[in-house]
Amino acid sequence: MLATSERIHDAESTTIVWHGATHPEACDGQCDWHAIMCSTTEGITMPGSLRDVPLELDIPGERWCPDCRSAIQARTGTERAR
């Protein structure tokens, strides 16, 4: 699934939260804003390029936004494995 990243910083670490891109076909790799599946008004500002991220993400320090993951599963008809 094509996704854009959000970086969440705390005192000890940085977590990357992946959000499903609402209109991935509009991305030219030099966007300054990406619309995301979990919000009709919010988005990711100054994102990097979209990346193909598996729903079963198992990379330490990275996770899916739970609302985006649910939206992707509803759209694709897949069940939540976890």
Protein backbone atom coordinates (compact mmCIF):
# COMPACT_ATOMS: atom_id res chain seq x y z
CA MET A 1 0.00 0.00 0.00
CA LEU A 2 1.38 3.41 -0.89
CA ALA A 3 1.87 5.42 2.27
CA THR A 4 3.41 8.59 3.64
CA SER A 5 5.29 8.84 6.92
CA GLU A 6 4.78 10.90 10.04
CA ARG A 7 7.60 11.13 12.56
CA ILE A 8 6.63 11.14 16.22
CA HIS A 9 9.44 12.28 18.50
CA ASP A 10 9.63 11.73 22.24
CA ALA A 11 12.47 12.07 24.74
CA GLU A 12 14.04 8.71 23.91
CA SER A 13 13.15 7.83 20.35
CA THR A 14 11.44 8.59 17.07
CA THR A 15 8.59 6.45 15.79
CA ILE A 16 7.55 6.43 12.15
CA VAL A 17 3.79 6.19 11.71
CA TRP A 18 2.62 5.26 8.22
CA HIS A 19 -0.57 6.77 6.79
CA GLY A 20 -2.33 5.54 3.69
CA ALA A 21 -2.15 8.12 0.90
CA THR A 22 -5.61 9.21 -0.25
CA HIS A 23 -4.59 10.15 -3.81
CA PRO A 24 -1.23 8.47 -4.49
CA GLU A 25 -1.50 9.05 -8.24
CA ALA A 26 -1.19 12.82 -7.62
CA CYS A 27 2.27 12.50 -6.03
CA ASP A 28 5.20 13.50 -8.22
CA GLY A 29 7.78 12.88 -5.49
CA GLN A 30 8.18 16.57 -4.75
CA CYS A 31 4.91 17.26 -2.94
CA ASP A 32 4.62 19.62 -0.01
CA TRP A 33 1.45 17.96 1.35
CA HIS A 34 -0.18 14.50 1.20
CA ALA A 35 -3.82 13.81 1.99
CA ILE A 36 -4.21 10.79 4.30
CA MET A 37 -6.94 8.17 4.73
CA CYS A 38 -7.63 8.82 8.41
CA SER A 39 -8.70 12.45 7.98
CA THR A 40 -10.71 14.51 5.52
CA THR A 41 -9.00 17.73 6.61
CA GLU A 42 -5.52 16.81 7.93
CA GLY A 43 -2.50 15.64 5.99
CA ILE A 44 1.25 15.25 6.18
CA THR A 45 3.19 18.42 5.39
CA MET A 46 6.63 18.31 3.82
CA PRO A 47 6.46 14.53 3.28
CA GLY A 48 9.02 12.37 1.61
CA SER A 49 8.08 10.34 -1.43
CA LEU A 50 5.34 7.76 -1.07
CA ARG A 51 6.56 4.27 -0.23
CA ASP A 52 5.04 0.85 -0.69
CA VAL A 53 4.54 -0.34 2.91
CA PRO A 54 3.19 -3.82 3.76
CA LEU A 55 0.17 -3.98 6.07
CA GLU A 56 1.99 -6.58 8.15
CA LEU A 57 4.75 -4.16 9.08
CA ASP A 58 7.40 -5.64 11.39
CA ILE A 59 10.15 -3.01 11.37
CA PRO A 60 11.19 -1.81 14.84
CA GLY A 61 10.21 1.82 15.42
CA GLU A 62 7.61 1.81 12.64
CA ARG A 63 3.86 1.20 12.73
CA TRP A 64 0.68 1.90 10.81
CA CYS A 65 -1.79 4.55 11.89
CA PRO A 66 -4.61 2.34 13.23
CA ASP A 67 -7.32 4.34 11.43
CA CYS A 68 -5.48 4.23 8.09
CA ARG A 69 -4.85 0.51 8.50
CA SER A 70 -8.57 -0.08 9.15
CA ALA A 71 -9.51 2.03 6.11
CA ILE A 72 -7.11 0.05 3.90
CA GLN A 73 -8.47 -3.26 5.19
CA ALA A 74 -12.05 -2.11 4.61
CA ARG A 75 -11.20 -1.03 1.08
CA THR A 76 -9.28 -4.19 0.20
CA GLY A 77 -11.54 -6.60 2.08
CA THR A 78 -8.70 -8.01 4.19
CA GLU A 79 -9.13 -8.95 7.82
CA ARG A 80 -6.96 -7.64 10.56
CA ALA A 81 -4.33 -10.28 11.30
CA ARG A 82 -3.31 -8.87 14.66
